[in-house]
Each structure stands twice: as structure tokens, then as C-alpha cells.
PDB file of N, CA and C in Angstrom:
ATOM      1  N   MET A   1     -12.429 -16.489 -13.092  1.00  0.00           N
ATOM      2  CA  MET A   1     -11.613 -16.087 -11.980  1.00  0.00           C
ATOM      3  C   MET A   1     -10.627 -14.996 -12.366  1.00  0.00           C
ATOM      4  N   ALA A   2     -10.651 -14.573 -13.606  1.00  0.00           N
ATOM      5  CA  ALA A   2      -9.763 -13.493 -14.037  1.00  0.00           C
ATOM      6  C   ALA A   2     -10.097 -12.200 -13.310  1.00  0.00           C
ATOM      7  N   VAL A   3     -11.356 -12.026 -12.975  1.00  0.00           N
ATOM      8  CA  VAL A   3     -11.781 -10.820 -12.266  1.00  0.00           C
ATOM      9  C   VAL A   3     -11.115 -10.762 -10.893  1.00  0.00           C
ATOM     10  N   LEU A   4     -11.092 -11.872 -10.197  1.00  0.00           N
ATOM     11  CA  LEU A   4     -10.483 -11.913  -8.870  1.00  0.00           C
ATOM     12  C   LEU A   4      -8.983 -11.654  -8.943  1.00  0.00           C
ATOM     13  N   SER A   5      -8.335 -12.207  -9.945  1.00  0.00           N
ATOM     14  CA  SER A   5      -6.908 -12.003 -10.123  1.00  0.00           C
ATOM     15  C   SER A   5      -6.600 -10.537 -10.414  1.00  0.00           C
ATOM     16  N   GLU A   6      -7.433  -9.926 -11.222  1.00  0.00           N
ATOM     17  CA  GLU A   6      -7.250  -8.511 -11.544  1.00  0.00           C
ATOM     18  C   GLU A   6      -7.418  -7.630 -10.308  1.00  0.00           C
ATOM     19  N   LEU A   7      -8.414  -7.936  -9.493  1.00  0.00           N
ATOM     20  CA  LEU A   7      -8.645  -7.166  -8.274  1.00  0.00           C
ATOM     21  C   LEU A   7      -7.456  -7.292  -7.322  1.00  0.00           C
ATOM     22  N   LYS A   8      -6.932  -8.485  -7.210  1.00  0.00           N
ATOM     23  CA  LYS A   8      -5.790  -8.713  -6.328  1.00  0.00           C
ATOM     24  C   LYS A   8      -4.561  -7.962  -6.837  1.00  0.00           C
ATOM     25  N   SER A   9      -4.328  -7.989  -8.134  1.00  0.00           N
ATOM     26  CA  SER A   9      -3.183  -7.295  -8.713  1.00  0.00           C
ATOM     27  C   SER A   9      -3.286  -5.789  -8.526  1.00  0.00           C
ATOM     28  N   LEU A  10      -4.480  -5.245  -8.753  1.00  0.00           N
ATOM     29  CA  LEU A  10      -4.667  -3.809  -8.573  1.00  0.00           C
ATOM     30  C   LEU A  10      -4.509  -3.405  -7.114  1.00  0.00           C
ATOM     31  N   SER A  11      -4.958  -4.252  -6.202  1.00  0.00           N
ATOM     32  CA  SER A  11      -4.816  -3.955  -4.775  1.00  0.00           C
ATOM     33  C   SER A  11      -3.347  -3.915  -4.375  1.00  0.00           C
ATOM     34  N   LYS A  12      -2.565  -4.848  -4.897  1.00  0.00           N
ATOM     35  CA  LYS A  12      -1.136  -4.860  -4.594  1.00  0.00           C
ATOM     36  C   LYS A  12      -0.448  -3.626  -5.172  1.00  0.00           C
ATOM     37  N   ARG A  13      -0.851  -3.240  -6.383  1.00  0.00           N
ATOM     38  CA  ARG A  13      -0.260  -2.061  -7.002  1.00  0.00           C
ATOM     39  C   ARG A  13      -0.601  -0.801  -6.209  1.00  0.00           C
ATOM     40  N   LEU A  14      -1.816  -0.749  -5.660  1.00  0.00           N
ATOM     41  CA  LEU A  14      -2.219   0.394  -4.839  1.00  0.00           C
ATOM     42  C   LEU A  14      -1.349   0.483  -3.591  1.00  0.00           C
ATOM     43  N   ALA A  15      -1.063  -0.632  -2.968  1.00  0.00           N
ATOM     44  CA  ALA A  15      -0.224  -0.640  -1.771  1.00  0.00           C
ATOM     45  C   ALA A  15       1.184  -0.144  -2.086  1.00  0.00           C
ATOM     46  N   GLN A  16       1.662  -0.410  -3.276  1.00  0.00           N
ATOM     47  CA  GLN A  16       2.998   0.031  -3.662  1.00  0.00           C
ATOM     48  C   GLN A  16       3.054   1.537  -3.900  1.00  0.00           C
ATOM     49  N   LEU A  17       1.907   2.157  -4.161  1.00  0.00           N
ATOM     50  CA  LEU A  17       1.864   3.587  -4.441  1.00  0.00           C
ATOM     51  C   LEU A  17       1.624   4.424  -3.186  1.00  0.00           C
ATOM     52  N   ALA A  18       1.959   3.900  -2.029  1.00  0.00           N
ATOM     53  CA  ALA A  18       1.710   4.608  -0.774  1.00  0.00           C
ATOM     54  C   ALA A  18       2.473   5.925  -0.702  1.00  0.00           C
ATOM     55  N   SER A  19       3.583   6.032  -1.386  1.00  0.00           N
ATOM     56  CA  SER A  19       4.375   7.260  -1.332  1.00  0.00           C
ATOM     57  C   SER A  19       3.927   8.297  -2.368  1.00  0.00           C
ATOM     58  N   GLU A  20       2.992   7.936  -3.240  1.00  0.00           N
ATOM     59  CA  GLU A  20       2.517   8.851  -4.281  1.00  0.00           C
ATOM     60  C   GLU A  20       0.998   8.969  -4.210  1.00  0.00           C
ATOM     61  N   PRO A  21       0.475   9.882  -3.367  1.00  0.00           N
ATOM     62  CA  PRO A  21      -0.979   9.971  -3.146  1.00  0.00           C
ATOM     63  C   PRO A  21      -1.797  10.292  -4.396  1.00  0.00           C
ATOM     64  N   GLU A  22      -1.248  11.082  -5.327  1.00  0.00           N
ATOM     65  CA  GLU A  22      -2.010  11.448  -6.526  1.00  0.00           C
ATOM     66  C   GLU A  22      -2.258  10.233  -7.412  1.00  0.00           C
ATOM     67  N   LYS A  23      -1.202   9.460  -7.628  1.00  0.00           N
ATOM     68  CA  LYS A  23      -1.341   8.252  -8.446  1.00  0.00           C
ATOM     69  C   LYS A  23      -2.200   7.207  -7.731  1.00  0.00           C
ATOM     70  N   ALA A  24      -2.058   7.143  -6.419  1.00  0.00           N
ATOM     71  CA  ALA A  24      -2.844   6.190  -5.634  1.00  0.00           C
ATOM     72  C   ALA A  24      -4.328   6.523  -5.727  1.00  0.00           C
ATOM     73  N   GLN A  25      -4.665   7.809  -5.713  1.00  0.00           N
ATOM     74  CA  GLN A  25      -6.066   8.228  -5.811  1.00  0.00           C
ATOM     75  C   GLN A  25      -6.670   7.789  -7.145  1.00  0.00           C
ATOM     76  N   ALA A  26      -5.926   7.977  -8.214  1.00  0.00           N
ATOM     77  CA  ALA A  26      -6.403   7.587  -9.540  1.00  0.00           C
ATOM     78  C   ALA A  26      -6.609   6.075  -9.623  1.00  0.00           C
ATOM     79  N   LEU A  27      -5.655   5.325  -9.107  1.00  0.00           N
ATOM     80  CA  LEU A  27      -5.764   3.867  -9.140  1.00  0.00           C
ATOM     81  C   LEU A  27      -6.902   3.389  -8.239  1.00  0.00           C
ATOM     82  N   ALA A  28      -7.089   4.061  -7.112  1.00  0.00           N
ATOM     83  CA  ALA A  28      -8.139   3.661  -6.176  1.00  0.00           C
ATOM     84  C   ALA A  28      -9.518   3.847  -6.793  1.00  0.00           C
ATOM     85  N   SER A  29      -9.724   4.932  -7.514  1.00  0.00           N
ATOM     86  CA  SER A  29     -11.032   5.134  -8.134  1.00  0.00           C
ATOM     87  C   SER A  29     -11.297   4.053  -9.182  1.00  0.00           C
ATOM     88  N   ASN A  30     -10.263   3.658  -9.908  1.00  0.00           N
ATOM     89  CA  ASN A  30     -10.389   2.566 -10.869  1.00  0.00           C
ATOM     90  C   ASN A  30     -10.685   1.249 -10.156  1.00  0.00           C
ATOM     91  N   LEU A  31     -10.008   1.017  -9.047  1.00  0.00           N
ATOM     92  CA  LEU A  31     -10.186  -0.222  -8.290  1.00  0.00           C
ATOM     93  C   LEU A  31     -11.602  -0.317  -7.710  1.00  0.00           C
ATOM     94  N   VAL A  32     -12.117   0.789  -7.202  1.00  0.00           N
ATOM     95  CA  VAL A  32     -13.476   0.801  -6.651  1.00  0.00           C
ATOM     96  C   VAL A  32     -14.484   0.484  -7.757  1.00  0.00           C
ATOM     97  N   ALA A  33     -14.270   1.044  -8.932  1.00  0.00           N
ATOM     98  CA  ALA A  33     -15.158   0.757 -10.058  1.00  0.00           C
ATOM     99  C   ALA A  33     -15.095  -0.720 -10.440  1.00  0.00           C
ATOM    100  N   ARG A  34     -13.905  -1.306 -10.367  1.00  0.00           N
ATOM    101  CA  ARG A  34     -13.746  -2.735 -10.687  1.00  0.00           C
ATOM    102  C   ARG A  34     -14.469  -3.612  -9.661  1.00  0.00           C
ATOM    103  N   TYR A  35     -14.421  -3.195  -8.383  1.00  0.00           N
ATOM    104  CA  TYR A  35     -15.148  -3.944  -7.359  1.00  0.00           C
ATOM    105  C   TYR A  35     -16.652  -3.893  -7.637  1.00  0.00           C
ATOM    106  N   ASP A  36     -17.150  -2.720  -8.008  1.00  0.00           N
ATOM    107  CA  ASP A  36     -18.574  -2.601  -8.316  1.00  0.00           C
ATOM    108  C   ASP A  36     -18.960  -3.477  -9.502  1.00  0.00           C
ATOM    109  N   LYS A  37     -18.092  -3.517 -10.492  1.00  0.00           N
ATOM    110  CA  LYS A  37     -18.354  -4.342 -11.670  1.00  0.00           C
ATOM    111  C   LYS A  37     -18.327  -5.830 -11.320  1.00  0.00           C
ATOM    112  N   ALA A  38     -17.411  -6.206 -10.427  1.00  0.00           N
ATOM    113  CA  ALA A  38     -17.321  -7.605 -10.006  1.00  0.00           C
ATOM    114  C   ALA A  38     -18.590  -8.030  -9.269  1.00  0.00           C
ATOM    115  N   VAL A  39     -19.179  -7.112  -8.523  1.00  0.00           N
ATOM    116  CA  VAL A  39     -20.429  -7.420  -7.815  1.00  0.00           C
ATOM    117  C   VAL A  39     -21.553  -7.628  -8.818  1.00  0.00           C
ATOM    118  N   THR A  40     -21.622  -6.797  -9.843  1.00  0.00           N
ATOM    119  CA  THR A  40     -22.685  -6.951 -10.827  1.00  0.00           C
ATOM    120  C   THR A  40     -22.545  -8.241 -11.627  1.00  0.00           C
ATOM    121  N   LYS A  41     -21.306  -8.742 -11.757  1.00  0.00           N
ATOM    122  CA  LYS A  41     -21.064 -10.008 -12.455  1.00  0.00           C
ATOM    123  C   LYS A  41     -21.193 -11.208 -11.519  1.00  0.00           C
ATOM    124  N   ASN A  42     -21.516 -10.957 -10.251  1.00  0.00           N
ATOM    125  CA  ASN A  42     -21.640 -12.000  -9.229  1.00  0.00           C
ATOM    126  C   ASN A  42     -20.327 -12.744  -9.006  1.00  0.00           C
ATOM    127  N   ALA A  43     -19.214 -12.049  -9.178  1.00  0.00           N
ATOM    128  CA  ALA A  43     -17.914 -12.667  -8.930  1.00  0.00           C
ATOM    129  C   ALA A  43     -17.588 -12.653  -7.446  1.00  0.00           C
ATOM    130  N   ILE A  44     -18.027 -11.602  -6.741  1.00  0.00           N
ATOM    131  CA  ILE A  44     -17.818 -11.502  -5.293  1.00  0.00           C
ATOM    132  C   ILE A  44     -19.092 -10.975  -4.649  1.00  0.00           C
ATOM    133  N   PRO A  45     -19.305 -11.284  -3.382  1.00  0.00           N
ATOM    134  CA  PRO A  45     -20.489 -10.783  -2.688  1.00  0.00           C
ATOM    135  C   PRO A  45     -20.399  -9.267  -2.445  1.00  0.00           C
ATOM    136  N   ARG A  46     -21.544  -8.623  -2.362  1.00  0.00           N
ATOM    137  CA  ARG A  46     -21.612  -7.174  -2.175  1.00  0.00           C
ATOM    138  C   ARG A  46     -20.936  -6.735  -0.878  1.00  0.00           C
ATOM    139  N   GLY A  47     -21.118  -7.488   0.194  1.00  0.00           N
ATOM    140  CA  GLY A  47     -20.522  -7.123   1.473  1.00  0.00           C
ATOM    141  C   GLY A  47     -19.002  -7.118   1.433  1.00  0.00           C
ATOM    142  N   ARG A  48     -18.438  -8.087   0.749  1.00  0.00           N
ATOM    143  CA  ARG A  48     -16.978  -8.152   0.627  1.00  0.00           C
ATOM    144  C   ARG A  48     -16.458  -6.952  -0.163  1.00  0.00           C
ATOM    145  N   ALA A  49     -17.151  -6.617  -1.245  1.00  0.00           N
ATOM    146  CA  ALA A  49     -16.734  -5.466  -2.049  1.00  0.00           C
ATOM    147  C   ALA A  49     -16.836  -4.181  -1.234  1.00  0.00           C
ATOM    148  N   ASN A  50     -17.920  -4.024  -0.483  1.00  0.00           N
ATOM    149  CA  ASN A  50     -18.087  -2.822   0.331  1.00  0.00           C
ATOM    150  C   ASN A  50     -17.000  -2.715   1.397  1.00  0.00           C
ATOM    151  N   ARG A  51     -16.656  -3.824   2.018  1.00  0.00           N
ATOM    152  CA  ARG A  51     -15.614  -3.829   3.045  1.00  0.00           C
ATOM    153  C   ARG A  51     -14.270  -3.429   2.437  1.00  0.00           C
ATOM    154  N   ARG A  52     -13.956  -3.976   1.289  1.00  0.00           N
ATOM    155  CA  ARG A  52     -12.668  -3.666   0.664  1.00  0.00           C
ATOM    156  C   ARG A  52     -12.626  -2.231   0.154  1.00  0.00           C
ATOM    157  N   LYS A  53     -13.759  -1.720  -0.346  1.00  0.00           N
ATOM    158  CA  LYS A  53     -13.807  -0.326  -0.771  1.00  0.00           C
ATOM    159  C   LYS A  53     -13.617   0.600   0.422  1.00  0.00           C
ATOM    160  N   SER A  54     -14.167   0.226   1.555  1.00  0.00           N
ATOM    161  CA  SER A  54     -13.996   1.011   2.771  1.00  0.00           C
ATOM    162  C   SER A  54     -12.534   1.027   3.192  1.00  0.00           C
ATOM    163  N   ARG A  55     -11.884  -0.098   3.097  1.00  0.00           N
ATOM    164  CA  ARG A  55     -10.467  -0.174   3.464  1.00  0.00           C
ATOM    165  C   ARG A  55      -9.598   0.637   2.512  1.00  0.00           C
ATOM    166  N   ILE A  56      -9.989   0.690   1.247  1.00  0.00           N
ATOM    167  CA  ILE A  56      -9.265   1.517   0.282  1.00  0.00           C
ATOM    168  C   ILE A  56      -9.389   2.990   0.674  1.00  0.00           C
ATOM    169  N   ALA A  57     -10.590   3.398   1.063  1.00  0.00           N
ATOM    170  CA  ALA A  57     -10.809   4.791   1.475  1.00  0.00           C
ATOM    171  C   ALA A  57      -9.984   5.127   2.716  1.00  0.00           C
ATOM    172  N   LEU A  58      -9.915   4.210   3.666  1.00  0.00           N
ATOM    173  CA  LEU A  58      -9.110   4.434   4.864  1.00  0.00           C
ATOM    174  C   LEU A  58      -7.621   4.532   4.504  1.00  0.00           C
ATOM    175  N   PHE A  59      -7.180   3.703   3.589  1.00  0.00           N
ATOM    176  CA  PHE A  59      -5.786   3.729   3.147  1.00  0.00           C
ATOM    177  C   PHE A  59      -5.451   5.068   2.492  1.00  0.00           C
ATOM    178  N   LEU A  60      -6.359   5.567   1.643  1.00  0.00           N
ATOM    179  CA  LEU A  60      -6.113   6.838   0.979  1.00  0.00           C
ATOM    180  C   LEU A  60      -6.062   7.982   1.986  1.00  0.00           C
ATOM    181  N   ALA A  61      -6.948   7.951   2.973  1.00  0.00           N
ATOM    182  CA  ALA A  61      -6.940   8.993   4.003  1.00  0.00           C
ATOM    183  C   ALA A  61      -5.632   8.960   4.785  1.00  0.00           C
ATOM    184  N   LYS A  62      -5.140   7.765   5.037  1.00  0.00           N
ATOM    185  CA  LYS A  62      -3.905   7.615   5.807  1.00  0.00           C
ATOM    186  C   LYS A  62      -2.696   8.166   5.047  1.00  0.00           C
ATOM    187  N   ILE A  63      -2.610   7.879   3.738  1.00  0.00           N
ATOM    188  CA  ILE A  63      -1.444   8.343   2.996  1.00  0.00           C
ATOM    189  C   ILE A  63      -1.532   9.839   2.681  1.00  0.00           C
ATOM    190  N   LYS A  64      -2.732  10.395   2.660  1.00  0.00           N
ATOM    191  CA  LYS A  64      -2.860  11.838   2.422  1.00  0.00           C
ATOM    192  C   LYS A  64      -2.426  12.638   3.651  1.00  0.00           C
ATOM    193  N   LYS A  65      -2.548  12.061   4.843  1.00  0.00           N
ATOM    194  CA  LYS A  65      -2.142  12.747   6.066  1.00  0.00           C
ATOM    195  C   LYS A  65      -0.636  12.944   6.121  1.00  0.00           C
ATOM    196  N   LYS A  66       0.100  12.008   5.528  1.00  0.00           N
ATOM    197  CA  LYS A  66       1.569  12.049   5.621  1.00  0.00           C
ATOM    198  C   LYS A  66       2.160  13.210   4.869  1.00  0.00           C
TER     199      LYS A  66
END
């Protein structure tokens, strides 16, 4: 379950970086890679990872507009 805890921690850290789009972009690419790795380890279902990756992309688009 360490994988799930890591994903949750990184997601929270990404939300805190809403005012810094450059740092958020770097963290988001790392987070997306972690989601892909979690799917290959069968820690989370593929659909859940895809949904969360999509939400990360929407979040990045939103903070870049500001």
C-alpha cells in the first residue's frame, strides 16, 4: 500500500503548487509516470489511473490559463 500512499502525497503536493505552473508541470509528469507504474504493479485499476491522469491534465490547463 506504499504505492497508494505515495500517489496520494504527490497529488496533494501538486494541488499546493497551483500558483507555480512550471514546478507543477514537472511534478505532474512524475505523478503520471507513477500512476502508470502503479497500473503495471496491479496496485490500481487502469481506468482509475486514466481518470486521475485526465484530471491532472485538466488541472494543469486551468493553472496555465491564470
